[in-house]
Amino acid sequence: MTGLDAKRPKIYLVEDDPDLAGTINEYLSEEGMEVVRAADGASARRRLARGGFDLVVVDLGLPDESGLDLTRHVRSTSQAGIVILTGRGDPVDRVVGLEIGADDYLGKPVHLRELLARIRSVLRRTSGGGAAAPATANDTILAFADWTLDCGRRRLVRNGGADITLSAAEFELLRVLALHAQRVLSRDQLLDMTRHRSAGPFDRSIDVMIGKLRRKIEENPREPSLIKTVHGAGYVLAAPVVTRR
């Protein structure tokens, strides 16, 4: 039994369209999830303060505040997974959402099966189960340069220093890069390995996460020495990795 099978995942849905919220609620409930709903940011913040949610689905177009502000609040107060919904065509909103801590995003109109797949993918990453990397790597310790990535405890530590906080998406991306160190991986490969989907024409989620990782582990993020860009091909963790158990 996996972590997702052991209990019903608790989803907090923040969506002001009652018809859409009802449809999503019914669908996710039929798929074995417990759904709690809010229609605005104020009520969402009050309920989120009590915690207990595995994942939050946030509509960017809330009536009383920006969904981006609510996303930032959720990430600053919780380790729950976050999926943002947006009806806006501007990809900047999606990039900003990822920058401030969302794990994934989905445009409207919402396709329910795709939403379910995105939610399950994020839950796998945040619960530590069913990730894209081989199962034998789940408890592996990966050491490179001045860093140690403990996959079992989901911790990144600088040698002789403190833990570095990573979101679920950041952790999974770094783990995949480390498991395939010194091998160039394309954006499509990275999306498939970390989120089990291919890139859309305006999908910059991998680029955003790479930028966030660089700011956390590179001495000079503008001239990275660890996570390098191979123009026209993708990204590579250039440092050799030592694997321990």
Protein backbone atom coordinates (compact mmCIF):
# COMPACT_ATOMS: atom_id res chain seq x y z
CA MET A 1 0.00 0.00 0.00
CA THR A 2 1.44 3.34 -1.00
CA GLY A 3 1.22 6.57 0.96
CA LEU A 4 -1.56 7.74 -1.33
CA ASP A 5 -3.55 4.54 -0.88
CA ALA A 6 -3.28 4.53 2.91
CA LYS A 7 -5.63 7.47 3.39
CA ARG A 8 -7.83 9.74 1.37
CA PRO A 9 -5.77 12.76 0.29
CA LYS A 10 -7.31 15.96 1.63
CA ILE A 11 -7.60 18.64 -1.05
CA TYR A 12 -8.42 22.30 -0.40
CA LEU A 13 -10.08 23.82 -3.47
CA VAL A 14 -10.12 27.62 -3.67
CA GLU A 15 -12.36 28.48 -6.64
CA ASP A 16 -15.02 31.19 -6.87
CA ASP A 17 -16.96 29.68 -9.79
CA PRO A 18 -19.58 27.54 -7.99
CA ASP A 19 -20.35 25.38 -11.03
CA LEU A 20 -16.70 24.58 -11.68
CA ALA A 21 -15.98 24.08 -7.98
CA GLY A 22 -18.91 21.69 -7.71
CA THR A 23 -17.81 19.72 -10.75
CA ILE A 24 -14.23 19.42 -9.49
CA ASN A 25 -15.45 18.50 -6.01
CA GLU A 26 -17.67 15.72 -7.33
CA TYR A 27 -14.99 14.34 -9.65
CA LEU A 28 -12.17 14.30 -7.10
CA SER A 29 -14.47 12.83 -4.45
CA GLU A 30 -15.35 9.98 -6.83
CA GLU A 31 -11.61 9.42 -7.27
CA GLY A 32 -11.13 8.86 -3.55
CA MET A 33 -10.14 12.34 -2.39
CA GLU A 34 -11.62 14.44 0.39
CA VAL A 35 -12.36 17.94 -0.89
CA VAL A 36 -12.94 21.11 1.15
CA ARG A 37 -13.96 24.26 -0.72
CA ALA A 38 -13.58 28.01 -0.40
CA ALA A 39 -14.75 30.74 -2.78
CA ASP A 40 -12.46 33.60 -1.75
CA GLY A 41 -9.08 34.31 -0.25
CA ALA A 42 -10.26 35.48 3.16
CA SER A 43 -12.17 32.31 4.01
CA ALA A 44 -9.37 30.22 2.51
CA ARG A 45 -6.79 31.82 4.79
CA ARG A 46 -8.93 31.20 7.88
CA ARG A 47 -9.35 27.51 7.11
CA LEU A 48 -5.78 26.99 5.92
CA ALA A 49 -4.53 28.32 9.24
CA ARG A 50 -5.83 25.13 10.86
CA GLY A 51 -3.74 22.99 8.49
CA GLY A 52 -4.37 19.34 7.69
CA PHE A 53 -4.38 19.55 3.89
CA ASP A 54 -2.22 17.49 1.55
CA LEU A 55 -2.68 19.79 -1.45
CA VAL A 56 -4.25 23.15 -2.28
CA VAL A 57 -5.77 23.98 -5.67
CA VAL A 58 -5.83 27.77 -6.12
CA ASP A 59 -7.65 29.74 -8.80
CA LEU A 60 -5.67 32.86 -9.71
CA GLY A 61 -8.81 34.93 -10.33
CA LEU A 62 -10.30 35.23 -6.85
CA PRO A 63 -12.81 38.02 -6.08
CA ASP A 64 -11.07 39.54 -3.05
CA GLU A 65 -7.36 39.01 -3.66
CA SER A 66 -4.88 37.72 -6.19
CA GLY A 67 -4.53 33.96 -6.27
CA LEU A 68 -0.79 34.60 -6.53
CA ASP A 69 -0.86 36.31 -3.13
CA LEU A 70 -2.74 33.36 -1.67
CA THR A 71 -0.25 30.95 -3.25
CA ARG A 72 2.61 32.88 -1.67
CA HIS A 73 0.83 32.71 1.70
CA VAL A 74 0.24 28.96 1.42
CA ARG A 75 3.86 28.28 0.57
CA SER A 76 5.15 30.46 3.43
CA THR A 77 3.00 28.65 5.99
CA SER A 78 2.71 25.09 4.70
CA GLN A 79 4.52 22.26 2.92
CA ALA A 80 1.30 21.16 1.19
CA GLY A 81 1.42 20.71 -2.55
CA ILE A 82 0.03 23.57 -4.64
CA VAL A 83 -1.61 23.45 -8.08
CA ILE A 84 -2.73 26.76 -9.55
CA LEU A 85 -5.58 27.18 -12.02
CA THR A 86 -5.54 30.09 -14.42
CA GLY A 87 -7.89 31.30 -17.10
CA ARG A 88 -5.41 33.98 -18.13
CA GLY A 89 -3.53 33.56 -21.36
CA ASP A 90 -0.40 35.33 -20.15
CA PRO A 91 2.29 32.72 -19.39
CA VAL A 92 3.90 35.24 -17.01
CA ASP A 93 1.23 34.41 -14.42
CA ARG A 94 2.19 30.76 -14.60
CA VAL A 95 5.89 31.53 -14.29
CA VAL A 96 5.27 33.81 -11.30
CA GLY A 97 3.14 31.11 -9.69
CA LEU A 98 6.00 28.62 -9.93
CA GLU A 99 8.48 31.22 -8.73
CA ILE A 100 6.55 31.81 -5.52
CA GLY A 101 6.11 28.15 -4.70
CA ALA A 102 3.41 26.42 -6.75
CA ASP A 103 4.26 22.86 -7.75
CA ASP A 104 2.28 22.85 -10.99
CA TYR A 105 -0.33 24.79 -12.92
CA LEU A 106 -3.22 24.09 -15.25
CA GLY A 107 -5.05 26.40 -17.63
CA LYS A 108 -8.79 26.79 -17.99
CA PRO A 109 -11.04 25.34 -19.25
CA VAL A 110 -10.09 22.60 -16.81
CA HIS A 111 -9.91 19.03 -18.10
CA LEU A 112 -10.77 16.95 -15.07
CA ARG A 113 -8.65 13.93 -15.92
CA GLU A 114 -5.62 16.14 -16.45
CA LEU A 115 -6.27 17.97 -13.18
CA LEU A 116 -6.46 14.62 -11.40
CA ALA A 117 -3.18 13.52 -13.00
CA ARG A 118 -1.46 16.76 -11.95
CA ILE A 119 -2.77 16.44 -8.39
CA ARG A 120 -1.64 12.83 -8.10
CA SER A 121 1.78 13.69 -9.49
CA VAL A 122 2.29 16.47 -6.93
CA LEU A 123 1.01 14.24 -4.12
CA ARG A 124 3.50 11.55 -5.09
CA ARG A 125 6.32 14.07 -4.91
CA THR A 126 5.22 15.65 -1.62
CA SER A 127 4.57 12.29 0.04
CA GLY A 128 7.86 10.83 -1.16
CA GLY A 129 6.22 7.90 -2.91
CA GLY A 130 5.92 6.84 -6.52
CA ALA A 131 8.43 9.33 -7.87
CA ALA A 132 9.84 9.17 -11.35
CA ALA A 133 13.24 7.97 -10.18
CA PRO A 134 13.76 4.23 -9.68
CA ALA A 135 12.35 2.86 -6.43
CA THR A 136 15.84 1.78 -5.36
CA ALA A 137 16.82 5.46 -5.30
CA ASN A 138 14.17 6.48 -2.76
CA ASP A 139 16.54 6.05 0.20
CA THR A 140 19.75 6.98 -1.62
CA ILE A 141 22.14 9.71 -0.49
CA LEU A 142 23.60 11.66 -3.40
CA ALA A 143 26.71 13.74 -2.75
CA PHE A 144 28.10 16.28 -5.21
CA ALA A 145 30.38 19.30 -4.87
CA ASP A 146 29.61 20.75 -1.41
CA TRP A 147 26.12 19.28 -1.24
CA THR A 148 24.40 16.17 0.08
CA LEU A 149 20.89 15.23 -1.09
CA ASP A 150 19.26 12.70 1.24
CA CYS A 151 16.44 11.22 -0.86
CA GLY A 152 14.91 9.22 1.96
CA ARG A 153 14.61 12.22 4.28
CA ARG A 154 14.10 14.64 1.38
CA ARG A 155 16.84 16.94 2.71
CA LEU A 156 19.45 19.03 0.96
CA VAL A 157 22.41 19.94 3.17
CA ARG A 158 25.49 21.96 2.44
CA ASN A 159 28.52 20.21 3.89
CA GLY A 160 29.07 21.69 7.32
CA GLY A 161 25.99 23.89 7.00
CA ALA A 162 22.27 23.99 7.56
CA ASP A 163 19.43 22.36 5.63
CA ILE A 164 18.27 24.12 2.48
CA THR A 165 14.51 24.24 2.06
CA LEU A 166 13.28 22.82 -1.25
CA SER A 167 9.74 22.64 -2.58
CA ALA A 168 8.54 19.23 -3.76
CA ALA A 169 9.10 20.24 -7.38
CA GLU A 170 12.60 21.57 -6.68
CA PHE A 171 13.56 18.43 -4.76
CA GLU A 172 12.33 16.11 -7.49
CA LEU A 173 14.10 18.05 -10.23
CA LEU A 174 17.41 18.09 -8.33
CA ARG A 175 17.10 14.39 -7.57
CA VAL A 176 16.54 13.53 -11.23
CA LEU A 177 19.49 15.69 -12.31
CA ALA A 178 21.71 14.06 -9.67
CA LEU A 179 20.64 10.54 -10.59
CA HIS A 180 21.59 11.34 -14.20
CA ALA A 181 24.64 13.44 -13.40
CA GLN A 182 26.85 14.55 -16.32
CA ARG A 183 24.12 13.56 -18.78
CA VAL A 184 22.23 16.23 -20.70
CA LEU A 185 18.46 16.01 -20.19
CA SER A 186 16.00 17.94 -22.36
CA ARG A 187 13.06 19.88 -20.94
CA ASP A 188 10.69 17.19 -22.19
CA GLN A 189 12.74 14.48 -20.48
CA LEU A 190 12.84 16.42 -17.23
CA LEU A 191 9.10 17.07 -17.30
CA ASP A 192 8.41 13.42 -18.04
CA MET A 193 10.74 12.21 -15.28
CA THR A 194 9.50 14.66 -12.65
CA ARG A 195 5.86 15.29 -13.57
CA HIS A 196 4.99 12.52 -16.03
CA ARG A 197 3.97 14.85 -18.82
CA SER A 198 5.43 16.55 -21.89
CA ALA A 199 6.08 20.24 -22.34
CA GLY A 200 3.53 22.51 -23.97
CA PRO A 201 4.56 25.26 -26.39
CA PHE A 202 4.70 27.91 -23.64
CA ASP A 203 5.76 25.65 -20.77
CA ARG A 204 8.61 27.27 -18.87
CA SER A 205 8.18 25.38 -15.62
CA ILE A 206 11.48 23.52 -15.90
CA ASP A 207 13.36 26.74 -16.67
CA VAL A 208 11.77 28.40 -13.63
CA MET A 209 12.71 25.51 -11.33
CA ILE A 210 16.26 25.42 -12.70
CA GLY A 211 16.57 29.13 -11.89
CA LYS A 212 15.31 28.56 -8.35
CA LEU A 213 17.71 25.67 -7.77
CA ARG A 214 20.62 27.72 -9.06
CA ARG A 215 19.84 30.50 -6.61
CA LYS A 216 19.99 27.96 -3.79
CA ILE A 217 23.07 25.90 -4.66
CA GLU A 218 25.28 27.92 -7.01
CA GLU A 219 27.99 30.29 -5.79
CA ASN A 220 27.09 32.56 -8.71
CA PRO A 221 23.66 31.74 -10.19
CA ARG A 222 24.39 33.97 -13.21
CA GLU A 223 27.43 31.85 -14.07
CA PRO A 224 26.43 28.39 -12.84
CA SER A 225 29.07 25.73 -12.40
CA LEU A 226 26.82 22.91 -11.20
CA ILE A 227 23.56 23.02 -13.18
CA LYS A 228 24.59 24.05 -16.67
CA THR A 229 22.55 24.94 -19.72
CA VAL A 230 23.40 23.11 -22.93
CA HIS A 231 21.89 25.39 -25.54
CA GLY A 232 19.46 23.63 -27.83
CA ALA A 233 19.65 20.44 -25.77
CA GLY A 234 18.66 20.99 -22.13
CA TYR A 235 20.31 20.96 -18.72
CA VAL A 236 22.99 18.90 -17.00
CA LEU A 237 24.30 18.52 -13.47
CA ALA A 238 27.96 18.89 -14.38
CA ALA A 239 29.49 17.71 -11.09
CA PRO A 240 30.22 14.02 -10.47
CA VAL A 241 27.87 12.42 -7.96
CA VAL A 242 28.82 9.87 -5.30
CA THR A 243 25.96 7.55 -4.31
CA ARG A 244 25.67 6.19 -0.80
CA ARG A 245 23.06 4.17 1.07
